[in-house]
Amino acid sequence: MSLQNKADFPETQLIVAGIGLTTRRMDAALSAFGEAVKMDPQQVQAWTMMIRIHSAQGDTKAALKTANAAIKANPDNIGLYLMKADLSEY
């Protein structure tokens, strides 16, 4: 069974995002990580990667917006607050 047949699972989107990262297609990685968090907002690793990608691309505004959305979906996750604090320093 191909990944396309399982595209409606957040775990599949994480695999697709990983492929995007390894092939340096950050747009594809962001899209797939975004799909993963739409399907399951508790996918903290996907939120984290989106924040890191935006930050690495120099888009602090998008990184902060993503961090705020991640915190709203996962208010008990301390790591997300720490990421946001690191972004706010710049």
N, C-alpha and C. Protein backbone atom coordinates (compact mmCIF):
# COMPACT_ATOMS: atom_id res chain seq x y z
N MET A 1 0.85 -1.18 0.00
CA MET A 1 0.00 0.00 0.00
C MET A 1 0.90 1.25 0.00
N SER A 2 0.59 2.22 -0.81
CA SER A 2 1.42 3.41 -0.94
C SER A 2 1.07 4.45 0.13
N LEU A 3 1.95 5.44 0.28
CA LEU A 3 1.69 6.53 1.22
C LEU A 3 0.44 7.30 0.83
N GLN A 4 0.19 7.41 -0.46
CA GLN A 4 -0.98 8.14 -0.94
C GLN A 4 -2.27 7.50 -0.43
N ASN A 5 -2.30 6.18 -0.32
CA ASN A 5 -3.48 5.50 0.18
C ASN A 5 -3.72 5.73 1.67
N LYS A 6 -2.68 6.18 2.37
CA LYS A 6 -2.78 6.42 3.81
C LYS A 6 -2.62 7.90 4.14
N ALA A 7 -2.87 8.77 3.19
CA ALA A 7 -2.62 10.20 3.36
C ALA A 7 -3.50 10.84 4.43
N ASP A 8 -4.56 10.16 4.84
CA ASP A 8 -5.46 10.74 5.83
C ASP A 8 -5.06 10.40 7.26
N PHE A 9 -3.83 9.98 7.47
CA PHE A 9 -3.30 9.73 8.80
C PHE A 9 -2.20 10.75 9.10
N PRO A 10 -2.20 11.35 10.29
CA PRO A 10 -1.16 12.33 10.59
C PRO A 10 0.25 11.74 10.52
N GLU A 11 0.39 10.47 10.88
CA GLU A 11 1.70 9.84 10.84
C GLU A 11 2.24 9.77 9.41
N THR A 12 1.36 9.58 8.45
CA THR A 12 1.77 9.57 7.05
C THR A 12 2.25 10.96 6.64
N GLN A 13 1.56 11.98 7.10
CA GLN A 13 1.97 13.34 6.80
C GLN A 13 3.34 13.65 7.39
N LEU A 14 3.63 13.08 8.56
CA LEU A 14 4.95 13.28 9.16
C LEU A 14 6.03 12.65 8.29
N ILE A 15 5.74 11.49 7.71
CA ILE A 15 6.70 10.84 6.81
C ILE A 15 6.91 11.70 5.56
N VAL A 16 5.82 12.20 4.99
CA VAL A 16 5.91 13.06 3.81
C VAL A 16 6.71 14.32 4.14
N ALA A 17 6.48 14.88 5.34
CA ALA A 17 7.23 16.06 5.76
C ALA A 17 8.71 15.74 5.89
N GLY A 18 9.02 14.57 6.43
CA GLY A 18 10.42 14.16 6.54
C GLY A 18 11.09 14.05 5.19
N ILE A 19 10.35 13.55 4.21
CA ILE A 19 10.88 13.48 2.84
C ILE A 19 11.13 14.90 2.32
N GLY A 20 10.21 15.80 2.61
CA GLY A 20 10.40 17.20 2.21
C GLY A 20 11.66 17.79 2.83
N LEU A 21 11.90 17.46 4.09
CA LEU A 21 13.10 17.97 4.76
C LEU A 21 14.37 17.41 4.13
N THR A 22 14.39 16.11 3.89
CA THR A 22 15.60 15.48 3.36
C THR A 22 15.89 15.90 1.92
N THR A 23 14.84 16.28 1.20
CA THR A 23 15.04 16.74 -0.17
C THR A 23 15.13 18.27 -0.24
N ARG A 24 15.16 18.91 0.93
CA ARG A 24 15.28 20.37 1.05
C ARG A 24 14.13 21.12 0.37
N ARG A 25 12.95 20.52 0.41
CA ARG A 25 11.75 21.18 -0.10
C ARG A 25 10.95 21.64 1.12
N MET A 26 11.36 22.76 1.66
CA MET A 26 10.74 23.25 2.90
C MET A 26 9.27 23.58 2.73
N ASP A 27 8.87 24.00 1.53
CA ASP A 27 7.46 24.27 1.28
C ASP A 27 6.64 22.99 1.43
N ALA A 28 7.15 21.89 0.89
CA ALA A 28 6.46 20.60 1.00
C ALA A 28 6.45 20.12 2.45
N ALA A 29 7.56 20.31 3.15
CA ALA A 29 7.63 19.90 4.55
C ALA A 29 6.63 20.70 5.39
N LEU A 30 6.60 22.01 5.21
CA LEU A 30 5.65 22.84 5.96
C LEU A 30 4.21 22.44 5.67
N SER A 31 3.92 22.16 4.42
CA SER A 31 2.57 21.76 4.04
C SER A 31 2.17 20.45 4.72
N ALA A 32 3.07 19.48 4.68
CA ALA A 32 2.76 18.18 5.28
C ALA A 32 2.66 18.27 6.80
N PHE A 33 3.57 19.01 7.42
CA PHE A 33 3.47 19.20 8.88
C PHE A 33 2.15 19.91 9.21
N GLY A 34 1.76 20.89 8.39
CA GLY A 34 0.50 21.59 8.59
C GLY A 34 -0.70 20.66 8.50
N GLU A 35 -0.67 19.75 7.54
CA GLU A 35 -1.75 18.76 7.42
C GLU A 35 -1.79 17.86 8.65
N ALA A 36 -0.63 17.48 9.15
CA ALA A 36 -0.57 16.62 10.33
C ALA A 36 -1.23 17.28 11.53
N VAL A 37 -0.95 18.58 11.75
CA VAL A 37 -1.54 19.24 12.91
C VAL A 37 -3.02 19.57 12.71
N LYS A 38 -3.46 19.67 11.44
CA LYS A 38 -4.90 19.82 11.20
C LYS A 38 -5.63 18.54 11.60
N MET A 39 -5.02 17.41 11.28
CA MET A 39 -5.62 16.11 11.61
C MET A 39 -5.54 15.80 13.10
N ASP A 40 -4.42 16.19 13.71
CA ASP A 40 -4.20 15.92 15.13
C ASP A 40 -3.40 17.07 15.74
N PRO A 41 -4.09 18.06 16.32
CA PRO A 41 -3.41 19.23 16.88
C PRO A 41 -2.42 18.90 18.01
N GLN A 42 -2.46 17.69 18.54
CA GLN A 42 -1.54 17.31 19.59
C GLN A 42 -0.21 16.76 19.04
N GLN A 43 0.01 16.88 17.75
CA GLN A 43 1.28 16.46 17.14
C GLN A 43 2.34 17.53 17.39
N VAL A 44 2.82 17.57 18.62
CA VAL A 44 3.76 18.62 19.03
C VAL A 44 5.02 18.60 18.17
N GLN A 45 5.49 17.41 17.77
CA GLN A 45 6.70 17.36 16.96
C GLN A 45 6.50 18.05 15.61
N ALA A 46 5.30 18.00 15.07
CA ALA A 46 5.01 18.69 13.80
C ALA A 46 4.98 20.20 14.02
N TRP A 47 4.35 20.64 15.09
CA TRP A 47 4.34 22.07 15.41
C TRP A 47 5.77 22.57 15.58
N THR A 48 6.57 21.81 16.31
CA THR A 48 7.96 22.18 16.57
C THR A 48 8.74 22.34 15.28
N MET A 49 8.58 21.40 14.38
CA MET A 49 9.30 21.47 13.11
C MET A 49 8.86 22.67 12.28
N MET A 50 7.56 22.97 12.29
CA MET A 50 7.09 24.15 11.54
C MET A 50 7.70 25.42 12.11
N ILE A 51 7.75 25.52 13.44
CA ILE A 51 8.36 26.69 14.08
C ILE A 51 9.83 26.79 13.68
N ARG A 52 10.54 25.67 13.72
CA ARG A 52 11.97 25.67 13.38
C ARG A 52 12.20 26.04 11.92
N ILE A 53 11.38 25.52 11.03
CA ILE A 53 11.54 25.84 9.60
C ILE A 53 11.32 27.33 9.36
N HIS A 54 10.23 27.86 9.90
CA HIS A 54 9.98 29.30 9.73
C HIS A 54 11.14 30.12 10.28
N SER A 55 11.62 29.74 11.44
CA SER A 55 12.73 30.46 12.06
C SER A 55 14.00 30.36 11.20
N ALA A 56 14.30 29.17 10.72
CA ALA A 56 15.50 28.97 9.88
C ALA A 56 15.41 29.76 8.58
N GLN A 57 14.19 29.98 8.11
CA GLN A 57 13.99 30.76 6.89
C GLN A 57 13.98 32.26 7.17
N GLY A 58 14.16 32.63 8.43
CA GLY A 58 14.19 34.04 8.81
C GLY A 58 12.83 34.69 8.95
N ASP A 59 11.78 33.87 9.01
CA ASP A 59 10.42 34.40 9.12
C ASP A 59 9.94 34.29 10.56
N THR A 60 10.46 35.19 11.40
CA THR A 60 10.14 35.16 12.82
C THR A 60 8.65 35.37 13.07
N LYS A 61 8.03 36.22 12.26
CA LYS A 61 6.59 36.47 12.42
C LYS A 61 5.80 35.18 12.23
N ALA A 62 6.10 34.41 11.19
CA ALA A 62 5.40 33.14 10.96
C ALA A 62 5.73 32.13 12.06
N ALA A 63 6.98 32.14 12.52
CA ALA A 63 7.37 31.23 13.60
C ALA A 63 6.59 31.53 14.86
N LEU A 64 6.46 32.82 15.20
CA LEU A 64 5.70 33.21 16.40
C LEU A 64 4.21 32.88 16.24
N LYS A 65 3.67 33.11 15.06
CA LYS A 65 2.26 32.79 14.81
C LYS A 65 2.03 31.29 14.98
N THR A 66 2.96 30.49 14.46
CA THR A 66 2.85 29.04 14.57
C THR A 66 3.00 28.61 16.03
N ALA A 67 3.94 29.23 16.74
CA ALA A 67 4.12 28.90 18.16
C ALA A 67 2.86 29.21 18.96
N ASN A 68 2.23 30.34 18.67
CA ASN A 68 0.98 30.68 19.37
C ASN A 68 -0.12 29.67 19.09
N ALA A 69 -0.23 29.24 17.84
CA ALA A 69 -1.24 28.22 17.49
C ALA A 69 -0.93 26.90 18.18
N ALA A 70 0.35 26.56 18.23
CA ALA A 70 0.76 25.31 18.88
C ALA A 70 0.44 25.34 20.37
N ILE A 71 0.72 26.47 21.00
CA ILE A 71 0.43 26.61 22.44
C ILE A 71 -1.07 26.57 22.69
N LYS A 72 -1.84 27.20 21.83
CA LYS A 72 -3.30 27.17 21.99
C LYS A 72 -3.81 25.72 21.93
N ALA A 73 -3.23 24.92 21.04
CA ALA A 73 -3.66 23.53 20.89
C ALA A 73 -3.07 22.62 21.97
N ASN A 74 -1.95 23.04 22.56
CA ASN A 74 -1.24 22.22 23.55
C ASN A 74 -0.78 23.08 24.72
N PRO A 75 -1.73 23.63 25.49
CA PRO A 75 -1.37 24.60 26.52
C PRO A 75 -0.51 24.05 27.66
N ASP A 76 -0.41 22.76 27.80
CA ASP A 76 0.38 22.18 28.89
C ASP A 76 1.80 21.82 28.47
N ASN A 77 2.16 22.09 27.22
CA ASN A 77 3.48 21.71 26.73
C ASN A 77 4.49 22.83 26.97
N ILE A 78 5.36 22.63 27.94
CA ILE A 78 6.35 23.63 28.33
C ILE A 78 7.34 23.92 27.19
N GLY A 79 7.69 22.89 26.43
CA GLY A 79 8.65 23.06 25.34
C GLY A 79 8.21 24.10 24.33
N LEU A 80 6.93 24.16 24.06
CA LEU A 80 6.42 25.15 23.11
C LEU A 80 6.57 26.57 23.64
N TYR A 81 6.33 26.74 24.94
CA TYR A 81 6.53 28.06 25.56
C TYR A 81 8.00 28.48 25.49
N LEU A 82 8.89 27.52 25.69
CA LEU A 82 10.32 27.82 25.65
C LEU A 82 10.75 28.20 24.22
N MET A 83 10.21 27.49 23.23
CA MET A 83 10.50 27.84 21.83
C MET A 83 10.04 29.25 21.54
N LYS A 84 8.84 29.57 21.98
CA LYS A 84 8.31 30.92 21.74
C LYS A 84 9.18 31.97 22.42
N ALA A 85 9.61 31.69 23.63
CA ALA A 85 10.48 32.64 24.35
C ALA A 85 11.79 32.85 23.59
N ASP A 86 12.34 31.78 23.03
CA ASP A 86 13.58 31.91 22.25
C ASP A 86 13.35 32.79 21.02
N LEU A 87 12.19 32.65 20.40
CA LEU A 87 11.87 33.47 19.22
C LEU A 87 11.69 34.92 19.60
N SER A 88 11.14 35.16 20.74
CA SER A 88 10.84 36.53 21.17
C SER A 88 12.10 37.32 21.50
N GLU A 89 13.23 36.61 21.67
CA GLU A 89 14.48 37.28 21.98
C GLU A 89 15.04 38.03 20.78
N TYR A 90 14.57 37.69 19.57
CA TYR A 90 15.13 38.28 18.35
C TYR A 90 14.33 39.42 17.83
